[in-house]
Amino acid sequence: VIFACGPTPMLRALKEYAQEKQIPCWISMEERMACGIGACLGCVCQS
């Protein structure tokens, strides 16, 4: 299992590595936030 937090290029590389190895990878994404509670949609990512 992988738990990771850091800049996007690092997380992207770890995601690819985990898929290649077929292991679950949990990533904590860094992003500029405004409200911090989900109301403003200022920190969305594609899902």
All heavy atoms as atom14 arrays in JSON, in Angstrom:
{
  "sequence": "VIFACGPTPMLRALKEYAQEKQIPCWISMEERMACGIGACLGCVCQS",
  "atom14_mask": [
    [1, 1, 1, 1, 1, 1, 1, 0, 0, 0, 0, 0, 0, 0],
    [1, 1, 1, 1, 1, 1, 1, 1, 0, 0, 0, 0, 0, 0],
    [1, 1, 1, 1, 1, 1, 1, 1, 1, 1, 1, 0, 0, 0],
    [1, 1, 1, 1, 1, 0, 0, 0, 0, 0, 0, 0, 0, 0],
    [1, 1, 1, 1, 1, 1, 0, 0, 0, 0, 0, 0, 0, 0],
    [1, 1, 1, 1, 0, 0, 0, 0, 0, 0, 0, 0, 0, 0],
    [1, 1, 1, 1, 1, 1, 1, 0, 0, 0, 0, 0, 0, 0],
    [1, 1, 1, 1, 1, 1, 1, 0, 0, 0, 0, 0, 0, 0],
    [1, 1, 1, 1, 1, 1, 1, 0, 0, 0, 0, 0, 0, 0],
    [1, 1, 1, 1, 1, 1, 1, 1, 0, 0, 0, 0, 0, 0],
    [1, 1, 1, 1, 1, 1, 1, 1, 0, 0, 0, 0, 0, 0],
    [1, 1, 1, 1, 1, 1, 1, 1, 1, 1, 1, 0, 0, 0],
    [1, 1, 1, 1, 1, 0, 0, 0, 0, 0, 0, 0, 0, 0],
    [1, 1, 1, 1, 1, 1, 1, 1, 0, 0, 0, 0, 0, 0],
    [1, 1, 1, 1, 1, 1, 1, 1, 1, 0, 0, 0, 0, 0],
    [1, 1, 1, 1, 1, 1, 1, 1, 1, 0, 0, 0, 0, 0],
    [1, 1, 1, 1, 1, 1, 1, 1, 1, 1, 1, 1, 0, 0],
    [1, 1, 1, 1, 1, 0, 0, 0, 0, 0, 0, 0, 0, 0],
    [1, 1, 1, 1, 1, 1, 1, 1, 1, 0, 0, 0, 0, 0],
    [1, 1, 1, 1, 1, 1, 1, 1, 1, 0, 0, 0, 0, 0],
    [1, 1, 1, 1, 1, 1, 1, 1, 1, 0, 0, 0, 0, 0],
    [1, 1, 1, 1, 1, 1, 1, 1, 1, 0, 0, 0, 0, 0],
    [1, 1, 1, 1, 1, 1, 1, 1, 0, 0, 0, 0, 0, 0],
    [1, 1, 1, 1, 1, 1, 1, 0, 0, 0, 0, 0, 0, 0],
    [1, 1, 1, 1, 1, 1, 0, 0, 0, 0, 0, 0, 0, 0],
    [1, 1, 1, 1, 1, 1, 1, 1, 1, 1, 1, 1, 1, 1],
    [1, 1, 1, 1, 1, 1, 1, 1, 0, 0, 0, 0, 0, 0],
    [1, 1, 1, 1, 1, 1, 0, 0, 0, 0, 0, 0, 0, 0],
    [1, 1, 1, 1, 1, 1, 1, 1, 0, 0, 0, 0, 0, 0],
    [1, 1, 1, 1, 1, 1, 1, 1, 1, 0, 0, 0, 0, 0],
    [1, 1, 1, 1, 1, 1, 1, 1, 1, 0, 0, 0, 0, 0],
    [1, 1, 1, 1, 1, 1, 1, 1, 1, 1, 1, 0, 0, 0],
    [1, 1, 1, 1, 1, 1, 1, 1, 0, 0, 0, 0, 0, 0],
    [1, 1, 1, 1, 1, 0, 0, 0, 0, 0, 0, 0, 0, 0],
    [1, 1, 1, 1, 1, 1, 0, 0, 0, 0, 0, 0, 0, 0],
    [1, 1, 1, 1, 0, 0, 0, 0, 0, 0, 0, 0, 0, 0],
    [1, 1, 1, 1, 1, 1, 1, 1, 0, 0, 0, 0, 0, 0],
    [1, 1, 1, 1, 0, 0, 0, 0, 0, 0, 0, 0, 0, 0],
    [1, 1, 1, 1, 1, 0, 0, 0, 0, 0, 0, 0, 0, 0],
    [1, 1, 1, 1, 1, 1, 0, 0, 0, 0, 0, 0, 0, 0],
    [1, 1, 1, 1, 1, 1, 1, 1, 0, 0, 0, 0, 0, 0],
    [1, 1, 1, 1, 0, 0, 0, 0, 0, 0, 0, 0, 0, 0],
    [1, 1, 1, 1, 1, 1, 0, 0, 0, 0, 0, 0, 0, 0],
    [1, 1, 1, 1, 1, 1, 1, 0, 0, 0, 0, 0, 0, 0],
    [1, 1, 1, 1, 1, 1, 0, 0, 0, 0, 0, 0, 0, 0],
    [1, 1, 1, 1, 1, 1, 1, 1, 1, 0, 0, 0, 0, 0],
    [1, 1, 1, 1, 1, 1, 0, 0, 0, 0, 0, 0, 0, 0]
  ],
  "atom14_positions": [
    [[0.87, -1.18, 0.0], [0.0, 0.0, 0.0], [0.91, 1.23, 0.0], [1.98, 1.21, 0.62], [-0.9, 0.05, 1.26], [-1.76, 1.31, 1.27], [-1.8, -1.17, 1.34], [0.0, 0.0, 0.0], [0.0, 0.0, 0.0], [0.0, 0.0, 0.0], [0.0, 0.0, 0.0], [0.0, 0.0, 0.0], [0.0, 0.0, 0.0], [0.0, 0.0, 0.0]],
    [[0.47, 2.3, -0.67], [1.22, 3.56, -0.67], [0.32, 4.68, -0.14], [-0.84, 4.8, -0.56], [1.71, 3.95, -2.08], [2.68, 2.89, -2.62], [2.38, 5.32, -2.07], [3.09, 3.11, -4.07], [0.0, 0.0, 0.0], [0.0, 0.0, 0.0], [0.0, 0.0, 0.0], [0.0, 0.0, 0.0], [0.0, 0.0, 0.0], [0.0, 0.0, 0.0]],
    [[0.85, 5.47, 0.77], [0.24, 6.74, 1.2], [1.22, 7.84, 0.81], [2.41, 7.76, 1.15], [0.03, 6.79, 2.71], [-1.06, 5.89, 3.25], [-1.16, 5.66, 4.62], [-1.97, 5.28, 2.41], [-2.16, 4.84, 5.14], [-2.98, 4.46, 2.91], [-3.07, 4.23, 4.28], [0.0, 0.0, 0.0], [0.0, 0.0, 0.0], [0.0, 0.0, 0.0]],
    [[0.74, 8.88, 0.12], [1.67, 9.9, -0.37], [1.07, 11.3, -0.3], [-0.15, 11.48, -0.43], [2.07, 9.6, -1.82], [0.0, 0.0, 0.0], [0.0, 0.0, 0.0], [0.0, 0.0, 0.0], [0.0, 0.0, 0.0], [0.0, 0.0, 0.0], [0.0, 0.0, 0.0], [0.0, 0.0, 0.0], [0.0, 0.0, 0.0], [0.0, 0.0, 0.0]],
    [[1.94, 12.27, -0.11], [1.55, 13.68, -0.14], [2.72, 14.48, -0.71], [3.87, 14.3, -0.3], [1.21, 14.19, 1.27], [0.64, 15.91, 1.29], [0.0, 0.0, 0.0], [0.0, 0.0, 0.0], [0.0, 0.0, 0.0], [0.0, 0.0, 0.0], [0.0, 0.0, 0.0], [0.0, 0.0, 0.0], [0.0, 0.0, 0.0], [0.0, 0.0, 0.0]],
    [[2.4, 15.36, -1.66], [3.46, 16.16, -2.26], [3.0, 16.84, -3.53], [1.81, 16.85, -3.84], [0.0, 0.0, 0.0], [0.0, 0.0, 0.0], [0.0, 0.0, 0.0], [0.0, 0.0, 0.0], [0.0, 0.0, 0.0], [0.0, 0.0, 0.0], [0.0, 0.0, 0.0], [0.0, 0.0, 0.0], [0.0, 0.0, 0.0], [0.0, 0.0, 0.0]],
    [[3.93, 17.39, -4.29], [3.57, 18.12, -5.51], [2.98, 17.19, -6.58], [3.24, 15.98, -6.59], [4.9, 18.73, -5.97], [5.96, 17.91, -5.31], [5.38, 17.41, -4.03], [0.0, 0.0, 0.0], [0.0, 0.0, 0.0], [0.0, 0.0, 0.0], [0.0, 0.0, 0.0], [0.0, 0.0, 0.0], [0.0, 0.0, 0.0], [0.0, 0.0, 0.0]],
    [[2.2, 17.77, -7.47], [1.48, 16.99, -8.48], [2.37, 16.09, -9.32], [2.01, 14.92, -9.54], [0.65, 17.94, -9.37], [-0.29, 18.64, -8.55], [-0.11, 17.18, -10.44], [0.0, 0.0, 0.0], [0.0, 0.0, 0.0], [0.0, 0.0, 0.0], [0.0, 0.0, 0.0], [0.0, 0.0, 0.0], [0.0, 0.0, 0.0], [0.0, 0.0, 0.0]],
    [[3.53, 16.54, -9.83], [4.35, 15.63, -10.64], [4.76, 14.37, -9.87], [4.8, 13.28, -10.44], [5.58, 16.49, -11.0], [5.09, 17.89, -10.92], [4.11, 17.9, -9.81], [0.0, 0.0, 0.0], [0.0, 0.0, 0.0], [0.0, 0.0, 0.0], [0.0, 0.0, 0.0], [0.0, 0.0, 0.0], [0.0, 0.0, 0.0], [0.0, 0.0, 0.0]],
    [[5.04, 14.51, -8.58], [5.39, 13.35, -7.75], [4.21, 12.4, -7.63], [4.35, 11.18, -7.79], [5.83, 13.82, -6.36], [6.29, 12.7, -5.44], [6.43, 13.2, -3.7], [4.83, 12.67, -3.08], [0.0, 0.0, 0.0], [0.0, 0.0, 0.0], [0.0, 0.0, 0.0], [0.0, 0.0, 0.0], [0.0, 0.0, 0.0], [0.0, 0.0, 0.0]],
    [[3.02, 12.95, -7.37], [1.83, 12.11, -7.22], [1.47, 11.41, -8.53], [1.05, 10.26, -8.53], [0.65, 12.96, -6.73], [0.83, 13.64, -5.36], [-0.41, 14.43, -5.0], [1.14, 12.62, -4.26], [0.0, 0.0, 0.0], [0.0, 0.0, 0.0], [0.0, 0.0, 0.0], [0.0, 0.0, 0.0], [0.0, 0.0, 0.0], [0.0, 0.0, 0.0]],
    [[1.65, 12.12, -9.63], [1.36, 11.52, -10.94], [2.28, 10.33, -11.21], [1.83, 9.27, -11.67], [1.52, 12.58, -12.04], [1.05, 12.12, -13.42], [1.24, 13.22, -14.45], [0.42, 14.39, -14.17], [0.9, 15.62, -13.98], [2.2, 15.86, -14.03], [0.07, 16.62, -13.73], [0.0, 0.0, 0.0], [0.0, 0.0, 0.0], [0.0, 0.0, 0.0]],
    [[3.56, 10.49, -10.87], [4.53, 9.4, -11.07], [4.2, 8.22, -10.16], [4.3, 7.05, -10.58], [5.93, 9.91, -10.81], [0.0, 0.0, 0.0], [0.0, 0.0, 0.0], [0.0, 0.0, 0.0], [0.0, 0.0, 0.0], [0.0, 0.0, 0.0], [0.0, 0.0, 0.0], [0.0, 0.0, 0.0], [0.0, 0.0, 0.0], [0.0, 0.0, 0.0]],
    [[3.8, 8.49, -8.92], [3.46, 7.42, -8.0], [2.19, 6.7, -8.42], [2.08, 5.47, -8.27], [3.29, 7.97, -6.58], [4.58, 8.32, -5.84], [4.27, 9.09, -4.57], [5.38, 7.05, -5.51], [0.0, 0.0, 0.0], [0.0, 0.0, 0.0], [0.0, 0.0, 0.0], [0.0, 0.0, 0.0], [0.0, 0.0, 0.0], [0.0, 0.0, 0.0]],
    [[1.23, 7.44, -8.98], [0.0, 6.82, -9.48], [0.33, 5.82, -10.58], [-0.17, 4.68, -10.59], [-0.95, 7.9, -10.0], [-2.22, 7.34, -10.65], [-3.13, 8.42, -11.18], [-4.34, 7.8, -11.88], [-5.31, 8.83, -12.34], [0.0, 0.0, 0.0], [0.0, 0.0, 0.0], [0.0, 0.0, 0.0], [0.0, 0.0, 0.0], [0.0, 0.0, 0.0]],
    [[1.2, 6.22, -11.51], [1.6, 5.33, -12.61], [2.35, 4.11, -12.08], [2.12, 2.98, -12.53], [2.46, 6.1, -13.62], [1.69, 7.16, -14.39], [2.6, 8.02, -15.26], [3.81, 7.72, -15.35], [2.08, 8.99, -15.86], [0.0, 0.0, 0.0], [0.0, 0.0, 0.0], [0.0, 0.0, 0.0], [0.0, 0.0, 0.0], [0.0, 0.0, 0.0]],
    [[3.24, 4.35, -11.12], [4.02, 3.26, -10.51], [3.07, 2.26, -9.83], [3.23, 1.04, -9.99], [5.0, 3.84, -9.5], [5.71, 2.83, -8.64], [6.82, 2.14, -9.11], [5.26, 2.56, -7.35], [7.47, 1.2, -8.31], [5.89, 1.63, -6.55], [7.0, 0.96, -7.03], [7.64, 0.02, -6.24], [0.0, 0.0, 0.0], [0.0, 0.0, 0.0]],
    [[2.1, 2.77, -9.08], [1.16, 1.9, -8.35], [0.29, 1.1, -9.32], [0.0, -0.08, -9.07], [0.29, 2.73, -7.43], [0.0, 0.0, 0.0], [0.0, 0.0, 0.0], [0.0, 0.0, 0.0], [0.0, 0.0, 0.0], [0.0, 0.0, 0.0], [0.0, 0.0, 0.0], [0.0, 0.0, 0.0], [0.0, 0.0, 0.0], [0.0, 0.0, 0.0]],
    [[-0.13, 1.72, -10.42], [-0.93, 1.0, -11.4], [-0.11, -0.11, -12.06], [-0.61, -1.21, -12.29], [-1.47, 1.98, -12.46], [-2.61, 2.85, -11.93], [-3.12, 3.85, -12.96], [-2.33, 4.53, -13.62], [-4.43, 3.96, -13.08], [0.0, 0.0, 0.0], [0.0, 0.0, 0.0], [0.0, 0.0, 0.0], [0.0, 0.0, 0.0], [0.0, 0.0, 0.0]],
    [[1.14, 0.21, -12.33], [2.04, -0.77, -12.94], [2.24, -1.97, -12.01], [2.27, -3.13, -12.44], [3.38, -0.08, -13.23], [4.48, -0.97, -13.76], [5.84, -0.26, -13.71], [5.9, 0.96, -14.0], [6.83, -0.92, -13.36], [0.0, 0.0, 0.0], [0.0, 0.0, 0.0], [0.0, 0.0, 0.0], [0.0, 0.0, 0.0], [0.0, 0.0, 0.0]],
    [[2.36, -1.69, -10.71], [2.6, -2.75, -9.72], [1.29, -3.35, -9.18], [1.33, -4.29, -8.39], [3.41, -2.2, -8.54], [4.78, -1.63, -8.92], [5.71, -2.71, -9.4], [7.1, -2.15, -9.7], [8.0, -3.19, -10.24], [0.0, 0.0, 0.0], [0.0, 0.0, 0.0], [0.0, 0.0, 0.0], [0.0, 0.0, 0.0], [0.0, 0.0, 0.0]],
    [[0.16, -2.74, -9.55], [-1.17, -3.2, -9.12], [-1.31, -3.19, -7.6], [-1.72, -4.17, -6.98], [-1.47, -4.59, -9.69], [-1.55, -4.62, -11.21], [-1.99, -5.96, -11.76], [-1.45, -7.0, -11.38], [-2.97, -5.95, -12.64], [0.0, 0.0, 0.0], [0.0, 0.0, 0.0], [0.0, 0.0, 0.0], [0.0, 0.0, 0.0], [0.0, 0.0, 0.0]],
    [[-0.94, -2.05, -7.02], [-1.12, -1.87, -5.58], [-1.9, -0.58, -5.32], [-1.79, 0.39, -6.09], [0.24, -1.81, -4.83], [1.16, -0.75, -5.43], [0.92, -3.16, -4.84], [2.48, -0.62, -4.71], [0.0, 0.0, 0.0], [0.0, 0.0, 0.0], [0.0, 0.0, 0.0], [0.0, 0.0, 0.0], [0.0, 0.0, 0.0], [0.0, 0.0, 0.0]],
    [[-2.73, -0.54, -4.27], [-3.5, 0.67, -3.98], [-2.61, 1.82, -3.53], [-1.67, 1.61, -2.75], [-4.47, 0.24, -2.87], [-3.86, -0.97, -2.27], [-3.05, -1.64, -3.33], [0.0, 0.0, 0.0], [0.0, 0.0, 0.0], [0.0, 0.0, 0.0], [0.0, 0.0, 0.0], [0.0, 0.0, 0.0], [0.0, 0.0, 0.0], [0.0, 0.0, 0.0]],
    [[-2.9, 3.0, -4.02], [-2.11, 4.19, -3.7], [-3.05, 5.31, -3.32], [-3.92, 5.7, -4.11], [-1.27, 4.57, -4.92], [-0.32, 6.09, -4.73], [0.0, 0.0, 0.0], [0.0, 0.0, 0.0], [0.0, 0.0, 0.0], [0.0, 0.0, 0.0], [0.0, 0.0, 0.0], [0.0, 0.0, 0.0], [0.0, 0.0, 0.0], [0.0, 0.0, 0.0]],
    [[-2.9, 5.81, -2.11], [-3.73, 6.91, -1.62], [-2.89, 8.18, -1.65], [-1.81, 8.23, -1.06], [-4.22, 6.61, -0.21], [-5.07, 5.38, -0.14], [-4.66, 4.08, -0.04], [-6.5, 5.33, -0.21], [-5.73, 3.23, -0.04], [-6.87, 3.96, -0.13], [-7.5, 6.3, -0.31], [-8.2, 3.55, -0.16], [-8.83, 5.89, -0.33], [-9.18, 4.53, -0.26]],
    [[-3.39, 9.2, -2.32], [-2.61, 10.43, -2.49], [-3.34, 11.62, -1.86], [-4.55, 11.75, -1.95], [-2.33, 10.72, -3.99], [-3.64, 10.81, -4.78], [-1.42, 9.63, -4.57], [-3.44, 11.22, -6.24], [0.0, 0.0, 0.0], [0.0, 0.0, 0.0], [0.0, 0.0, 0.0], [0.0, 0.0, 0.0], [0.0, 0.0, 0.0], [0.0, 0.0, 0.0]],
    [[-2.57, 12.47, -1.21], [-3.1, 13.71, -0.64], [-2.7, 14.83, -1.58], [-1.51, 15.11, -1.76], [-2.53, 13.95, 0.76], [-3.02, 15.18, 1.28], [0.0, 0.0, 0.0], [0.0, 0.0, 0.0], [0.0, 0.0, 0.0], [0.0, 0.0, 0.0], [0.0, 0.0, 0.0], [0.0, 0.0, 0.0], [0.0, 0.0, 0.0], [0.0, 0.0, 0.0]],
    [[-3.69, 15.47, -2.19], [-3.43, 16.45, -3.23], [-3.28, 17.85, -2.67], [-4.07, 18.3, -1.83], [-4.55, 16.4, -4.28], [-4.62, 15.05, -4.97], [-5.9, 14.96, -6.22], [-5.24, 16.07, -7.47], [0.0, 0.0, 0.0], [0.0, 0.0, 0.0], [0.0, 0.0, 0.0], [0.0, 0.0, 0.0], [0.0, 0.0, 0.0], [0.0, 0.0, 0.0]],
    [[-2.25, 18.55, -3.14], [-2.02, 19.93, -2.75], [-2.74, 20.84, -3.74], [-2.67, 20.63, -4.94], [-0.53, 20.25, -2.76], [0.28, 19.46, -1.75], [1.76, 19.79, -1.8], [2.2, 20.42, -2.78], [2.47, 19.44, -0.85], [0.0, 0.0, 0.0], [0.0, 0.0, 0.0], [0.0, 0.0, 0.0], [0.0, 0.0, 0.0], [0.0, 0.0, 0.0]],
    [[-3.43, 21.84, -3.23], [-4.14, 22.77, -4.12], [-4.4, 24.06, -3.36], [-4.57, 24.06, -2.15], [-5.47, 22.14, -4.56], [-6.27, 22.95, -5.57], [-5.48, 23.28, -6.82], [-5.25, 22.39, -7.66], [-5.07, 24.45, -6.94], [0.0, 0.0, 0.0], [0.0, 0.0, 0.0], [0.0, 0.0, 0.0], [0.0, 0.0, 0.0], [0.0, 0.0, 0.0]],
    [[-4.45, 25.16, -4.1], [-4.85, 26.43, -3.48], [-6.33, 26.33, -3.13], [-7.14, 25.91, -3.96], [-4.62, 27.6, -4.44], [-3.16, 27.91, -4.68], [-3.0, 29.18, -5.49], [-3.39, 30.36, -4.73], [-2.6, 31.04, -3.91], [-1.36, 30.65, -3.71], [-3.04, 32.11, -3.28], [0.0, 0.0, 0.0], [0.0, 0.0, 0.0], [0.0, 0.0, 0.0]],
    [[-6.67, 26.7, -1.91], [-8.06, 26.61, -1.46], [-8.53, 27.97, -0.99], [-7.75, 28.78, -0.51], [-8.19, 25.6, -0.31], [-7.8, 24.2, -0.69], [-7.91, 23.09, 0.72], [-7.12, 21.63, 0.05], [0.0, 0.0, 0.0], [0.0, 0.0, 0.0], [0.0, 0.0, 0.0], [0.0, 0.0, 0.0], [0.0, 0.0, 0.0], [0.0, 0.0, 0.0]],
    [[-9.84, 28.2, -1.13], [-10.41, 29.47, -0.67], [-11.24, 29.22, 0.59], [-10.82, 29.51, 1.7], [-11.24, 30.1, -1.78], [0.0, 0.0, 0.0], [0.0, 0.0, 0.0], [0.0, 0.0, 0.0], [0.0, 0.0, 0.0], [0.0, 0.0, 0.0], [0.0, 0.0, 0.0], [0.0, 0.0, 0.0], [0.0, 0.0, 0.0], [0.0, 0.0, 0.0]],
    [[-12.43, 28.61, 0.42], [-13.31, 28.47, 1.58], [-12.88, 27.34, 2.51], [-13.08, 27.41, 3.72], [-14.75, 28.25, 1.13], [-15.05, 26.61, 0.4], [0.0, 0.0, 0.0], [0.0, 0.0, 0.0], [0.0, 0.0, 0.0], [0.0, 0.0, 0.0], [0.0, 0.0, 0.0], [0.0, 0.0, 0.0], [0.0, 0.0, 0.0], [0.0, 0.0, 0.0]],
    [[-12.34, 26.25, 1.96], [-11.91, 25.11, 2.77], [-13.02, 24.16, 3.17], [-12.76, 23.15, 3.82], [0.0, 0.0, 0.0], [0.0, 0.0, 0.0], [0.0, 0.0, 0.0], [0.0, 0.0, 0.0], [0.0, 0.0, 0.0], [0.0, 0.0, 0.0], [0.0, 0.0, 0.0], [0.0, 0.0, 0.0], [0.0, 0.0, 0.0], [0.0, 0.0, 0.0]],
    [[-14.27, 24.44, 2.75], [-15.39, 23.59, 3.17], [-16.22, 23.08, 1.99], [-17.29, 22.53, 2.16], [-16.32, 24.35, 4.15], [-16.83, 25.66, 3.54], [-15.6, 24.61, 5.46], [-17.9, 26.35, 4.38], [0.0, 0.0, 0.0], [0.0, 0.0, 0.0], [0.0, 0.0, 0.0], [0.0, 0.0, 0.0], [0.0, 0.0, 0.0], [0.0, 0.0, 0.0]],
    [[-15.74, 23.29, 0.75], [-16.41, 22.71, -0.4], [-17.48, 23.56, -1.06], [-18.16, 23.11, -1.97], [0.0, 0.0, 0.0], [0.0, 0.0, 0.0], [0.0, 0.0, 0.0], [0.0, 0.0, 0.0], [0.0, 0.0, 0.0], [0.0, 0.0, 0.0], [0.0, 0.0, 0.0], [0.0, 0.0, 0.0], [0.0, 0.0, 0.0], [0.0, 0.0, 0.0]],
    [[-17.64, 24.79, -0.61], [-18.73, 25.61, -1.13], [-18.36, 26.38, -2.4], [-19.2, 26.59, -3.27], [-19.19, 26.6, -0.06], [0.0, 0.0, 0.0], [0.0, 0.0, 0.0], [0.0, 0.0, 0.0], [0.0, 0.0, 0.0], [0.0, 0.0, 0.0], [0.0, 0.0, 0.0], [0.0, 0.0, 0.0], [0.0, 0.0, 0.0], [0.0, 0.0, 0.0]],
    [[-17.11, 26.8, -2.52], [-16.76, 27.75, -3.59], [-16.29, 27.09, -4.88], [-16.19, 27.74, -5.92], [-15.68, 28.72, -3.09], [-14.05, 27.96, -2.89], [0.0, 0.0, 0.0], [0.0, 0.0, 0.0], [0.0, 0.0, 0.0], [0.0, 0.0, 0.0], [0.0, 0.0, 0.0], [0.0, 0.0, 0.0], [0.0, 0.0, 0.0], [0.0, 0.0, 0.0]],
    [[-15.99, 25.8, -4.85], [-15.51, 25.05, -6.02], [-14.2, 25.63, -6.57], [-13.91, 25.52, -7.75], [-16.58, 25.01, -7.13], [-17.94, 24.42, -6.76], [-18.85, 24.38, -7.97], [-17.78, 23.03, -6.17], [0.0, 0.0, 0.0], [0.0, 0.0, 0.0], [0.0, 0.0, 0.0], [0.0, 0.0, 0.0], [0.0, 0.0, 0.0], [0.0, 0.0, 0.0]],
    [[-13.41, 26.22, -5.68], [-12.15, 26.82, -6.11], [-10.99, 25.84, -6.16], [-9.91, 26.18, -6.62], [0.0, 0.0, 0.0], [0.0, 0.0, 0.0], [0.0, 0.0, 0.0], [0.0, 0.0, 0.0], [0.0, 0.0, 0.0], [0.0, 0.0, 0.0], [0.0, 0.0, 0.0], [0.0, 0.0, 0.0], [0.0, 0.0, 0.0], [0.0, 0.0, 0.0]],
    [[-11.21, 24.59, -5.7], [-10.09, 23.64, -5.64], [-10.49, 22.29, -6.2], [-10.21, 21.25, -5.6], [-9.6, 23.5, -4.19], [-10.83, 22.81, -3.06], [0.0, 0.0, 0.0], [0.0, 0.0, 0.0], [0.0, 0.0, 0.0], [0.0, 0.0, 0.0], [0.0, 0.0, 0.0], [0.0, 0.0, 0.0], [0.0, 0.0, 0.0], [0.0, 0.0, 0.0]],
    [[-11.16, 22.29, -7.34], [-11.63, 21.03, -7.89], [-10.55, 20.32, -8.71], [-9.63, 20.95, -9.24], [-12.89, 21.23, -8.78], [-14.06, 21.71, -7.97], [-12.59, 22.17, -9.93], [0.0, 0.0, 0.0], [0.0, 0.0, 0.0], [0.0, 0.0, 0.0], [0.0, 0.0, 0.0], [0.0, 0.0, 0.0], [0.0, 0.0, 0.0], [0.0, 0.0, 0.0]],
    [[-10.67, 19.01, -8.78], [-9.82, 18.22, -9.66], [-10.73, 17.29, -10.46], [-11.87, 17.02, -10.06], [-8.8, 17.41, -8.86], [-9.53, 16.17, -7.77], [0.0, 0.0, 0.0], [0.0, 0.0, 0.0], [0.0, 0.0, 0.0], [0.0, 0.0, 0.0], [0.0, 0.0, 0.0], [0.0, 0.0, 0.0], [0.0, 0.0, 0.0], [0.0, 0.0, 0.0]],
    [[-10.26, 16.8, -11.58], [-11.06, 15.9, -12.4], [-11.14, 14.52, -11.76], [-10.18, 14.03, -11.19], [-10.45, 15.77, -13.8], [-10.72, 16.96, -14.7], [-10.32, 16.64, -16.14], [-9.17, 16.38, -16.42], [-11.28, 16.66, -17.02], [0.0, 0.0, 0.0], [0.0, 0.0, 0.0], [0.0, 0.0, 0.0], [0.0, 0.0, 0.0], [0.0, 0.0, 0.0]],
    [[-12.33, 13.92, -11.84], [-12.54, 12.62, -11.22], [-13.22, 11.67, -12.2], [-13.78, 12.08, -13.22], [-13.41, 12.76, -9.97], [-14.7, 13.23, -10.32], [0.0, 0.0, 0.0], [0.0, 0.0, 0.0], [0.0, 0.0, 0.0], [0.0, 0.0, 0.0], [0.0, 0.0, 0.0], [0.0, 0.0, 0.0], [0.0, 0.0, 0.0], [0.0, 0.0, 0.0]]
  ]
}
